[in-house]
Amino acid sequence: MDGDREFVQKELQRLRDSIDNLDAALVHLLAERFKCTQEVGKLKAEYSLPPADPEREKRQITRLRSLAEQSKLDPVFAERFLNFIIAEVVRHHELIANNRARRS
């Protein structure tokens, strides 16, 4: 029984270490994504384009749902996750546009 307990503890630690590494990678990927979307927001503000692009967002959601299904990830979860990110991106784009308008 003690051998089983030791095995379980080591296995849990191994899995949790992997999760921690994946979480760190997710944060770094999100940071890179937001760097790109900040540039998009600046371009949109400069050329007076709207902060949101519903057609692009629909295509992104469709693409992400498909990728989720291929990866055996719940597509509803993937869509919710992307919608959360999109909402934050649009908020950033609105802030960029408002800041630009104030400077003009």
PDB file of N, CA and C in Angstrom:
ATOM      1  N   MET A   1       0.817  -1.199   0.000  1.00  0.00           N
ATOM      2  CA  MET A   1       0.000   0.000   0.000  1.00  0.00           C
ATOM      3  C   MET A   1       0.859   1.261   0.000  1.00  0.00           C
ATOM      4  N   ASP A   2       1.956   1.268   0.791  1.00  0.00           N
ATOM      5  CA  ASP A   2       2.837   2.430   0.822  1.00  0.00           C
ATOM      6  C   ASP A   2       3.485   2.657  -0.533  1.00  0.00           C
ATOM      7  N   GLY A   3       3.802   1.561  -1.230  1.00  0.00           N
ATOM      8  CA  GLY A   3       4.374   1.674  -2.574  1.00  0.00           C
ATOM      9  C   GLY A   3       3.396   2.318  -3.534  1.00  0.00           C
ATOM     10  N   ASP A   4       2.118   1.954  -3.418  1.00  0.00           N
ATOM     11  CA  ASP A   4       1.080   2.563  -4.259  1.00  0.00           C
ATOM     12  C   ASP A   4       0.952   4.052  -3.965  1.00  0.00           C
ATOM     13  N   ARG A   5       0.970   4.379  -2.697  1.00  0.00           N
ATOM     14  CA  ARG A   5       0.824   5.785  -2.300  1.00  0.00           C
ATOM     15  C   ARG A   5       2.000   6.609  -2.841  1.00  0.00           C
ATOM     16  N   GLU A   6       3.196   6.069  -2.727  1.00  0.00           N
ATOM     17  CA  GLU A   6       4.389   6.762  -3.229  1.00  0.00           C
ATOM     18  C   GLU A   6       4.302   6.933  -4.746  1.00  0.00           C
ATOM     19  N   PHE A   7       3.872   5.871  -5.428  1.00  0.00           N
ATOM     20  CA  PHE A   7       3.711   5.949  -6.885  1.00  0.00           C
ATOM     21  C   PHE A   7       2.711   7.038  -7.259  1.00  0.00           C
ATOM     22  N   VAL A   8       1.567   7.046  -6.575  1.00  0.00           N
ATOM     23  CA  VAL A   8       0.521   8.020  -6.872  1.00  0.00           C
ATOM     24  C   VAL A   8       1.038   9.434  -6.648  1.00  0.00           C
ATOM     25  N   GLN A   9       1.740   9.659  -5.551  1.00  0.00           N
ATOM     26  CA  GLN A   9       2.271  10.996  -5.262  1.00  0.00           C
ATOM     27  C   GLN A   9       3.267  11.443  -6.333  1.00  0.00           C
ATOM     28  N   LYS A  10       4.139  10.540  -6.753  1.00  0.00           N
ATOM     29  CA  LYS A  10       5.115  10.877  -7.802  1.00  0.00           C
ATOM     30  C   LYS A  10       4.412  11.150  -9.128  1.00  0.00           C
ATOM     31  N   GLU A  11       3.423  10.340  -9.429  1.00  0.00           N
ATOM     32  CA  GLU A  11       2.682  10.515 -10.687  1.00  0.00           C
ATOM     33  C   GLU A  11       1.896  11.828 -10.675  1.00  0.00           C
ATOM     34  N   LEU A  12       1.263  12.128  -9.547  1.00  0.00           N
ATOM     35  CA  LEU A  12       0.558  13.406  -9.427  1.00  0.00           C
ATOM     36  C   LEU A  12       1.521  14.576  -9.622  1.00  0.00           C
ATOM     37  N   GLN A  13       2.696  14.490  -9.013  1.00  0.00           N
ATOM     38  CA  GLN A  13       3.673  15.569  -9.146  1.00  0.00           C
ATOM     39  C   GLN A  13       4.134  15.708 -10.593  1.00  0.00           C
ATOM     40  N   ARG A  14       4.364  14.590 -11.257  1.00  0.00           N
ATOM     41  CA  ARG A  14       4.786  14.619 -12.661  1.00  0.00           C
ATOM     42  C   ARG A  14       3.720  15.291 -13.525  1.00  0.00           C
ATOM     43  N   LEU A  15       2.481  14.894 -13.323  1.00  0.00           N
ATOM     44  CA  LEU A  15       1.384  15.469 -14.100  1.00  0.00           C
ATOM     45  C   LEU A  15       1.192  16.952 -13.785  1.00  0.00           C
ATOM     46  N   ARG A  16       1.290  17.302 -12.516  1.00  0.00           N
ATOM     47  CA  ARG A  16       1.133  18.712 -12.130  1.00  0.00           C
ATOM     48  C   ARG A  16       2.272  19.572 -12.674  1.00  0.00           C
ATOM     49  N   ASP A  17       3.468  19.013 -12.716  1.00  0.00           N
ATOM     50  CA  ASP A  17       4.593  19.745 -13.321  1.00  0.00           C
ATOM     51  C   ASP A  17       4.320  20.010 -14.797  1.00  0.00           C
ATOM     52  N   SER A  18       3.767  19.020 -15.482  1.00  0.00           N
ATOM     53  CA  SER A  18       3.408  19.202 -16.896  1.00  0.00           C
ATOM     54  C   SER A  18       2.339  20.278 -17.046  1.00  0.00           C
ATOM     55  N   ILE A  19       1.341  20.246 -16.174  1.00  0.00           N
ATOM     56  CA  ILE A  19       0.281  21.256 -16.215  1.00  0.00           C
ATOM     57  C   ILE A  19       0.868  22.645 -15.988  1.00  0.00           C
ATOM     58  N   ASP A  20       1.769  22.766 -15.017  1.00  0.00           N
ATOM     59  CA  ASP A  20       2.402  24.064 -14.748  1.00  0.00           C
ATOM     60  C   ASP A  20       3.160  24.571 -15.973  1.00  0.00           C
ATOM     61  N   ASN A  21       3.867  23.681 -16.646  1.00  0.00           N
ATOM     62  CA  ASN A  21       4.595  24.066 -17.863  1.00  0.00           C
ATOM     63  C   ASN A  21       3.639  24.498 -18.968  1.00  0.00           C
ATOM     64  N   LEU A  22       2.554  23.770 -19.123  1.00  0.00           N
ATOM     65  CA  LEU A  22       1.562  24.124 -20.141  1.00  0.00           C
ATOM     66  C   LEU A  22       0.888  25.451 -19.816  1.00  0.00           C
ATOM     67  N   ASP A  23       0.600  25.689 -18.538  1.00  0.00           N
ATOM     68  CA  ASP A  23       0.017  26.975 -18.140  1.00  0.00           C
ATOM     69  C   ASP A  23       0.964  28.125 -18.474  1.00  0.00           C
ATOM     70  N   ALA A  24       2.245  27.940 -18.206  1.00  0.00           N
ATOM     71  CA  ALA A  24       3.230  28.977 -18.532  1.00  0.00           C
ATOM     72  C   ALA A  24       3.269  29.214 -20.039  1.00  0.00           C
ATOM     73  N   ALA A  25       3.226  28.139 -20.813  1.00  0.00           N
ATOM     74  CA  ALA A  25       3.227  28.280 -22.275  1.00  0.00           C
ATOM     75  C   ALA A  25       1.978  29.022 -22.742  1.00  0.00           C
ATOM     76  N   LEU A  26       0.824  28.708 -22.151  1.00  0.00           N
ATOM     77  CA  LEU A  26      -0.418  29.406 -22.510  1.00  0.00           C
ATOM     78  C   LEU A  26      -0.307  30.904 -22.251  1.00  0.00           C
ATOM     79  N   VAL A  27       0.242  31.272 -21.105  1.00  0.00           N
ATOM     80  CA  VAL A  27       0.385  32.690 -20.772  1.00  0.00           C
ATOM     81  C   VAL A  27       1.297  33.375 -21.783  1.00  0.00           C
ATOM     82  N   HIS A  28       2.404  32.728 -22.125  1.00  0.00           N
ATOM     83  CA  HIS A  28       3.329  33.320 -23.098  1.00  0.00           C
ATOM     84  C   HIS A  28       2.684  33.432 -24.479  1.00  0.00           C
ATOM     85  N   LEU A  29       1.931  32.423 -24.878  1.00  0.00           N
ATOM     86  CA  LEU A  29       1.237  32.478 -26.170  1.00  0.00           C
ATOM     87  C   LEU A  29       0.180  33.576 -26.184  1.00  0.00           C
ATOM     88  N   LEU A  30      -0.559  33.705 -25.095  1.00  0.00           N
ATOM     89  CA  LEU A  30      -1.560  34.774 -25.022  1.00  0.00           C
ATOM     90  C   LEU A  30      -0.897  36.148 -25.075  1.00  0.00           C
ATOM     91  N   ALA A  31       0.236  36.290 -24.406  1.00  0.00           N
ATOM     92  CA  ALA A  31       0.954  37.569 -24.449  1.00  0.00           C
ATOM     93  C   ALA A  31       1.376  37.894 -25.876  1.00  0.00           C
ATOM     94  N   GLU A  32       1.880  36.904 -26.601  1.00  0.00           N
ATOM     95  CA  GLU A  32       2.273  37.119 -28.004  1.00  0.00           C
ATOM     96  C   GLU A  32       1.061  37.461 -28.859  1.00  0.00           C
ATOM     97  N   ARG A  33      -0.044  36.767 -28.609  1.00  0.00           N
ATOM     98  CA  ARG A  33      -1.270  37.042 -29.364  1.00  0.00           C
ATOM     99  C   ARG A  33      -1.726  38.481 -29.131  1.00  0.00           C
ATOM    100  N   PHE A  34      -1.674  38.913 -27.873  1.00  0.00           N
ATOM    101  CA  PHE A  34      -2.112  40.272 -27.568  1.00  0.00           C
ATOM    102  C   PHE A  34      -1.164  41.326 -28.128  1.00  0.00           C
ATOM    103  N   LYS A  35       0.106  41.004 -28.265  1.00  0.00           N
ATOM    104  CA  LYS A  35       1.020  41.939 -28.939  1.00  0.00           C
ATOM    105  C   LYS A  35       0.557  42.154 -30.381  1.00  0.00           C
ATOM    106  N   CYS A  36       0.193  41.074 -31.043  1.00  0.00           N
ATOM    107  CA  CYS A  36      -0.298  41.171 -32.431  1.00  0.00           C
ATOM    108  C   CYS A  36      -1.616  41.935 -32.491  1.00  0.00           C
ATOM    109  N   THR A  37      -2.528  41.625 -31.579  1.00  0.00           N
ATOM    110  CA  THR A  37      -3.826  42.300 -31.634  1.00  0.00           C
ATOM    111  C   THR A  37      -3.707  43.777 -31.272  1.00  0.00           C
ATOM    112  N   GLN A  38      -2.717  44.135 -30.461  1.00  0.00           N
ATOM    113  CA  GLN A  38      -2.485  45.559 -30.178  1.00  0.00           C
ATOM    114  C   GLN A  38      -2.095  46.283 -31.467  1.00  0.00           C
ATOM    115  N   GLU A  39      -1.261  45.645 -32.277  1.00  0.00           N
ATOM    116  CA  GLU A  39      -0.866  46.236 -33.557  1.00  0.00           C
ATOM    117  C   GLU A  39      -2.073  46.365 -34.486  1.00  0.00           C
ATOM    118  N   VAL A  40      -2.924  45.347 -34.480  1.00  0.00           N
ATOM    119  CA  VAL A  40      -4.160  45.408 -35.267  1.00  0.00           C
ATOM    120  C   VAL A  40      -5.003  46.589 -34.790  1.00  0.00           C
ATOM    121  N   GLY A  41      -5.128  46.744 -33.484  1.00  0.00           N
ATOM    122  CA  GLY A  41      -5.908  47.843 -32.926  1.00  0.00           C
ATOM    123  C   GLY A  41      -5.365  49.202 -33.331  1.00  0.00           C
ATOM    124  N   LYS A  42      -4.049  49.332 -33.363  1.00  0.00           N
ATOM    125  CA  LYS A  42      -3.430  50.597 -33.781  1.00  0.00           C
ATOM    126  C   LYS A  42      -3.747  50.898 -35.243  1.00  0.00           C
ATOM    127  N   LEU A  43      -3.652  49.871 -36.090  1.00  0.00           N
ATOM    128  CA  LEU A  43      -3.980  50.060 -37.511  1.00  0.00           C
ATOM    129  C   LEU A  43      -5.444  50.440 -37.691  1.00  0.00           C
ATOM    130  N   LYS A  44      -6.315  49.743 -36.975  1.00  0.00           N
ATOM    131  CA  LYS A  44      -7.745  50.050 -37.075  1.00  0.00           C
ATOM    132  C   LYS A  44      -8.016  51.490 -36.646  1.00  0.00           C
ATOM    133  N   ALA A  45      -7.393  51.915 -35.556  1.00  0.00           N
ATOM    134  CA  ALA A  45      -7.604  53.282 -35.072  1.00  0.00           C
ATOM    135  C   ALA A  45      -7.064  54.298 -36.075  1.00  0.00           C
ATOM    136  N   GLU A  46      -5.898  54.010 -36.618  1.00  0.00           N
ATOM    137  CA  GLU A  46      -5.276  54.940 -37.570  1.00  0.00           C
ATOM    138  C   GLU A  46      -6.135  55.137 -38.812  1.00  0.00           C
ATOM    139  N   TYR A  47      -6.789  54.066 -39.256  1.00  0.00           N
ATOM    140  CA  TYR A  47      -7.588  54.131 -40.479  1.00  0.00           C
ATOM    141  C   TYR A  47      -9.089  54.166 -40.199  1.00  0.00           C
ATOM    142  N   SER A  48      -9.444  54.498 -38.976  1.00  0.00           N
ATOM    143  CA  SER A  48     -10.850  54.659 -38.562  1.00  0.00           C
ATOM    144  C   SER A  48     -11.708  53.433 -38.865  1.00  0.00           C
ATOM    145  N   LEU A  49     -11.150  52.268 -38.639  1.00  0.00           N
ATOM    146  CA  LEU A  49     -11.906  51.020 -38.798  1.00  0.00           C
ATOM    147  C   LEU A  49     -12.552  50.674 -37.456  1.00  0.00           C
ATOM    148  N   PRO A  50     -13.677  49.972 -37.480  1.00  0.00           N
ATOM    149  CA  PRO A  50     -14.342  49.630 -36.214  1.00  0.00           C
ATOM    150  C   PRO A  50     -13.494  48.657 -35.381  1.00  0.00           C
ATOM    151  N   PRO A  51     -13.599  48.746 -34.057  1.00  0.00           N
ATOM    152  CA  PRO A  51     -12.815  47.869 -33.182  1.00  0.00           C
ATOM    153  C   PRO A  51     -13.143  46.386 -33.363  1.00  0.00           C
ATOM    154  N   ALA A  52     -14.393  46.075 -33.666  1.00  0.00           N
ATOM    155  CA  ALA A  52     -14.811  44.680 -33.831  1.00  0.00           C
ATOM    156  C   ALA A  52     -14.978  44.366 -35.311  1.00  0.00           C
ATOM    157  N   ASP A  53     -14.759  43.099 -35.635  1.00  0.00           N
ATOM    158  CA  ASP A  53     -14.938  42.608 -37.002  1.00  0.00           C
ATOM    159  C   ASP A  53     -15.736  41.306 -36.905  1.00  0.00           C
ATOM    160  N   PRO A  54     -17.071  41.418 -36.822  1.00  0.00           N
ATOM    161  CA  PRO A  54     -17.905  40.234 -36.589  1.00  0.00           C
ATOM    162  C   PRO A  54     -17.695  39.102 -37.599  1.00  0.00           C
ATOM    163  N   GLU A  55     -17.456  39.431 -38.850  1.00  0.00           N
ATOM    164  CA  GLU A  55     -17.242  38.372 -39.851  1.00  0.00           C
ATOM    165  C   GLU A  55     -15.960  37.598 -39.555  1.00  0.00           C
ATOM    166  N   ARG A  56     -14.899  38.314 -39.250  1.00  0.00           N
ATOM    167  CA  ARG A  56     -13.627  37.669 -38.889  1.00  0.00           C
ATOM    168  C   ARG A  56     -13.820  36.825 -37.628  1.00  0.00           C
ATOM    169  N   GLU A  57     -14.526  37.369 -36.654  1.00  0.00           N
ATOM    170  CA  GLU A  57     -14.753  36.644 -35.407  1.00  0.00           C
ATOM    171  C   GLU A  57     -15.513  35.342 -35.655  1.00  0.00           C
ATOM    172  N   LYS A  58     -16.524  35.386 -36.527  1.00  0.00           N
ATOM    173  CA  LYS A  58     -17.269  34.162 -36.874  1.00  0.00           C
ATOM    174  C   LYS A  58     -16.346  33.123 -37.502  1.00  0.00           C
ATOM    175  N   ARG A  59     -15.498  33.575 -38.428  1.00  0.00           N
ATOM    176  CA  ARG A  59     -14.557  32.646 -39.073  1.00  0.00           C
ATOM    177  C   ARG A  59     -13.593  32.051 -38.049  1.00  0.00           C
ATOM    178  N   GLN A  60     -13.122  32.876 -37.135  1.00  0.00           N
ATOM    179  CA  GLN A  60     -12.203  32.398 -36.101  1.00  0.00           C
ATOM    180  C   GLN A  60     -12.873  31.359 -35.205  1.00  0.00           C
ATOM    181  N   ILE A  61     -14.109  31.619 -34.828  1.00  0.00           N
ATOM    182  CA  ILE A  61     -14.834  30.681 -33.969  1.00  0.00           C
ATOM    183  C   ILE A  61     -15.045  29.357 -34.696  1.00  0.00           C
ATOM    184  N   THR A  62     -15.448  29.421 -35.952  1.00  0.00           N
ATOM    185  CA  THR A  62     -15.638  28.195 -36.736  1.00  0.00           C
ATOM    186  C   THR A  62     -14.336  27.410 -36.828  1.00  0.00           C
ATOM    187  N   ARG A  63     -13.250  28.121 -37.109  1.00  0.00           N
ATOM    188  CA  ARG A  63     -11.935  27.475 -37.232  1.00  0.00           C
ATOM    189  C   ARG A  63     -11.509  26.859 -35.900  1.00  0.00           C
ATOM    190  N   LEU A  64     -11.695  27.598 -34.813  1.00  0.00           N
ATOM    191  CA  LEU A  64     -11.278  27.095 -33.510  1.00  0.00           C
ATOM    192  C   LEU A  64     -12.128  25.905 -33.068  1.00  0.00           C
ATOM    193  N   ARG A  65     -13.420  25.936 -33.358  1.00  0.00           N
ATOM    194  CA  ARG A  65     -14.279  24.794 -33.019  1.00  0.00           C
ATOM    195  C   ARG A  65     -13.807  23.540 -33.758  1.00  0.00           C
ATOM    196  N   SER A  66     -13.453  23.711 -35.020  1.00  0.00           N
ATOM    197  CA  SER A  66     -12.958  22.581 -35.807  1.00  0.00           C
ATOM    198  C   SER A  66     -11.643  22.047 -35.230  1.00  0.00           C
ATOM    199  N   LEU A  67     -10.730  22.952 -34.906  1.00  0.00           N
ATOM    200  CA  LEU A  67      -9.463  22.530 -34.291  1.00  0.00           C
ATOM    201  C   LEU A  67      -9.709  21.817 -32.965  1.00  0.00           C
ATOM    202  N   ALA A  68     -10.655  22.325 -32.195  1.00  0.00           N
ATOM    203  CA  ALA A  68     -10.975  21.700 -30.909  1.00  0.00           C
ATOM    204  C   ALA A  68     -11.490  20.280 -31.122  1.00  0.00           C
ATOM    205  N   GLU A  69     -12.401  20.116 -32.060  1.00  0.00           N
ATOM    206  CA  GLU A  69     -12.943  18.782 -32.336  1.00  0.00           C
ATOM    207  C   GLU A  69     -11.841  17.829 -32.773  1.00  0.00           C
ATOM    208  N   GLN A  70     -10.945  18.301 -33.644  1.00  0.00           N
ATOM    209  CA  GLN A  70      -9.828  17.466 -34.100  1.00  0.00           C
ATOM    210  C   GLN A  70      -8.918  17.068 -32.941  1.00  0.00           C
ATOM    211  N   SER A  71      -8.831  17.944 -31.942  1.00  0.00           N
ATOM    212  CA  SER A  71      -7.947  17.709 -30.800  1.00  0.00           C
ATOM    213  C   SER A  71      -8.655  17.031 -29.632  1.00  0.00           C
ATOM    214  N   LYS A  72      -9.902  16.634 -29.839  1.00  0.00           N
ATOM    215  CA  LYS A  72     -10.706  15.990 -28.787  1.00  0.00           C
ATOM    216  C   LYS A  72     -10.928  16.928 -27.594  1.00  0.00           C
ATOM    217  N   LEU A  73     -11.086  18.222 -27.898  1.00  0.00           N
ATOM    218  CA  LEU A  73     -11.401  19.228 -26.891  1.00  0.00           C
ATOM    219  C   LEU A  73     -12.840  19.667 -27.117  1.00  0.00           C
ATOM    220  N   ASP A  74     -13.557  19.905 -26.062  1.00  0.00           N
ATOM    221  CA  ASP A  74     -14.952  20.331 -26.157  1.00  0.00           C
ATOM    222  C   ASP A  74     -15.039  21.624 -26.974  1.00  0.00           C
ATOM    223  N   PRO A  75     -15.699  21.589 -28.144  1.00  0.00           N
ATOM    224  CA  PRO A  75     -15.779  22.788 -28.984  1.00  0.00           C
ATOM    225  C   PRO A  75     -16.560  23.927 -28.331  1.00  0.00           C
ATOM    226  N   VAL A  76     -17.494  23.606 -27.454  1.00  0.00           N
ATOM    227  CA  VAL A  76     -18.234  24.652 -26.741  1.00  0.00           C
ATOM    228  C   VAL A  76     -17.273  25.406 -25.816  1.00  0.00           C
ATOM    229  N   PHE A  77     -16.434  24.668 -25.117  1.00  0.00           N
ATOM    230  CA  PHE A  77     -15.425  25.296 -24.261  1.00  0.00           C
ATOM    231  C   PHE A  77     -14.485  26.156 -25.101  1.00  0.00           C
ATOM    232  N   ALA A  78     -14.026  25.632 -26.222  1.00  0.00           N
ATOM    233  CA  ALA A  78     -13.111  26.377 -27.090  1.00  0.00           C
ATOM    234  C   ALA A  78     -13.757  27.673 -27.572  1.00  0.00           C
ATOM    235  N   GLU A  79     -15.029  27.603 -27.924  1.00  0.00           N
ATOM    236  CA  GLU A  79     -15.738  28.801 -28.381  1.00  0.00           C
ATOM    237  C   GLU A  79     -15.869  29.824 -27.255  1.00  0.00           C
ATOM    238  N   ARG A  80     -16.209  29.362 -26.071  1.00  0.00           N
ATOM    239  CA  ARG A  80     -16.312  30.278 -24.921  1.00  0.00           C
ATOM    240  C   ARG A  80     -14.969  30.946 -24.641  1.00  0.00           C
ATOM    241  N   PHE A  81     -13.920  30.159 -24.709  1.00  0.00           N
ATOM    242  CA  PHE A  81     -12.566  30.676 -24.470  1.00  0.00           C
ATOM    243  C   PHE A  81     -12.220  31.749 -25.502  1.00  0.00           C
ATOM    244  N   LEU A  82     -12.483  31.463 -26.775  1.00  0.00           N
ATOM    245  CA  LEU A  82     -12.185  32.436 -27.822  1.00  0.00           C
ATOM    246  C   LEU A  82     -13.066  33.674 -27.681  1.00  0.00           C
ATOM    247  N   ASN A  83     -14.326  33.504 -27.344  1.00  0.00           N
ATOM    248  CA  ASN A  83     -15.206  34.662 -27.146  1.00  0.00           C
ATOM    249  C   ASN A  83     -14.692  35.561 -26.025  1.00  0.00           C
ATOM    250  N   PHE A  84     -14.173  34.955 -24.970  1.00  0.00           N
ATOM    251  CA  PHE A  84     -13.587  35.726 -23.876  1.00  0.00           C
ATOM    252  C   PHE A  84     -12.391  36.537 -24.382  1.00  0.00           C
ATOM    253  N   ILE A  85     -11.538  35.900 -25.160  1.00  0.00           N
ATOM    254  CA  ILE A  85     -10.363  36.583 -25.714  1.00  0.00           C
ATOM    255  C   ILE A  85     -10.797  37.693 -26.669  1.00  0.00           C
ATOM    256  N   ILE A  86     -11.747  37.389 -27.535  1.00  0.00           N
ATOM    257  CA  ILE A  86     -12.229  38.392 -28.503  1.00  0.00           C
ATOM    258  C   ILE A  86     -12.783  39.612 -27.771  1.00  0.00           C
ATOM    259  N   ALA A  87     -13.561  39.389 -26.729  1.00  0.00           N
ATOM    260  CA  ALA A  87     -14.130  40.514 -25.976  1.00  0.00           C
ATOM    261  C   ALA A  87     -13.023  41.395 -25.406  1.00  0.00           C
ATOM    262  N   GLU A  88     -11.976  40.786 -24.908  1.00  0.00           N
ATOM    263  CA  GLU A  88     -10.856  41.554 -24.357  1.00  0.00           C
ATOM    264  C   GLU A  88     -10.112  42.300 -25.461  1.00  0.00           C
ATOM    265  N   VAL A  89      -9.929  41.663 -26.599  1.00  0.00           N
ATOM    266  CA  VAL A  89      -9.265  42.314 -27.733  1.00  0.00           C
ATOM    267  C   VAL A  89     -10.072  43.526 -28.198  1.00  0.00           C
ATOM    268  N   VAL A  90     -11.371  43.355 -28.341  1.00  0.00           N
ATOM    269  CA  VAL A  90     -12.226  44.468 -28.782  1.00  0.00           C
ATOM    270  C   VAL A  90     -12.156  45.608 -27.766  1.00  0.00           C
ATOM    271  N   ARG A  91     -12.159  45.274 -26.493  1.00  0.00           N
ATOM    272  CA  ARG A  91     -12.033  46.296 -25.450  1.00  0.00           C
ATOM    273  C   ARG A  91     -10.724  47.070 -25.626  1.00  0.00           C
ATOM    274  N   HIS A  92      -9.633  46.346 -25.872  1.00  0.00           N
ATOM    275  CA  HIS A  92      -8.335  47.001 -26.106  1.00  0.00           C
ATOM    276  C   HIS A  92      -8.397  47.889 -27.346  1.00  0.00           C
ATOM    277  N   HIS A  93      -9.022  47.391 -28.405  1.00  0.00           N
ATOM    278  CA  HIS A  93      -9.127  48.184 -29.639  1.00  0.00           C
ATOM    279  C   HIS A  93      -9.931  49.464 -29.397  1.00  0.00           C
ATOM    280  N   GLU A  94     -10.980  49.361 -28.597  1.00  0.00           N
ATOM    281  CA  GLU A  94     -11.775  50.555 -28.265  1.00  0.00           C
ATOM    282  C   GLU A  94     -10.938  51.564 -27.487  1.00  0.00           C
ATOM    283  N   LEU A  95     -10.141  51.077 -26.538  1.00  0.00           N
ATOM    284  CA  LEU A  95      -9.268  51.971 -25.770  1.00  0.00           C
ATOM    285  C   LEU A  95      -8.249  52.660 -26.670  1.00  0.00           C
ATOM    286  N   ILE A  96      -7.660  51.897 -27.580  1.00  0.00           N
ATOM    287  CA  ILE A  96      -6.685  52.465 -28.513  1.00  0.00           C
ATOM    288  C   ILE A  96      -7.347  53.543 -29.362  1.00  0.00           C
ATOM    289  N   ALA A  97      -8.534  53.245 -29.889  1.00  0.00           N
ATOM    290  CA  ALA A  97      -9.251  54.214 -30.731  1.00  0.00           C
ATOM    291  C   ALA A  97      -9.608  55.464 -29.928  1.00  0.00           C
ATOM    292  N   ASN A  98     -10.075  55.286 -28.698  1.00  0.00           N
ATOM    293  CA  ASN A  98     -10.432  56.432 -27.855  1.00  0.00           C
ATOM    294  C   ASN A  98      -9.213  57.285 -27.529  1.00  0.00           C
ATOM    295  N   ASN A  99      -8.095  56.637 -27.232  1.00  0.00           N
ATOM    296  CA  ASN A  99      -6.866  57.385 -26.948  1.00  0.00           C
ATOM    297  C   ASN A  99      -6.404  58.163 -28.174  1.00  0.00           C
ATOM    298  N   ARG A 100      -6.518  57.551 -29.326  1.00  0.00           N
ATOM    299  CA  ARG A 100      -6.114  58.219 -30.568  1.00  0.00           C
ATOM    300  C   ARG A 100      -7.027  59.417 -30.843  1.00  0.00           C
ATOM    301  N   ALA A 101      -8.327  59.239 -30.621  1.00  0.00           N
ATOM    302  CA  ALA A 101      -9.292  60.318 -30.867  1.00  0.00           C
ATOM    303  C   ALA A 101      -9.028  61.504 -29.933  1.00  0.00           C
ATOM    304  N   ARG A 102      -8.654  61.219 -28.685  1.00  0.00           N
ATOM    305  CA  ARG A 102      -8.362  62.292 -27.728  1.00  0.00           C
ATOM    306  C   ARG A 102      -7.136  63.099 -28.143  1.00  0.00           C
ATOM    307  N   ARG A 103      -6.160  62.417 -28.762  1.00  0.00           N
ATOM    308  CA  ARG A 103      -4.929  63.098 -29.183  1.00  0.00           C
ATOM    309  C   ARG A 103      -5.128  63.933 -30.439  1.00  0.00           C
ATOM    310  N   SER A 104      -6.177  63.627 -31.186  1.00  0.00           N
ATOM    311  CA  SER A 104      -6.409  64.337 -32.459  1.00  0.00           C
ATOM    312  C   SER A 104      -7.098  65.663 -32.256  1.00  0.00           C
TER     313      SER A 104
END
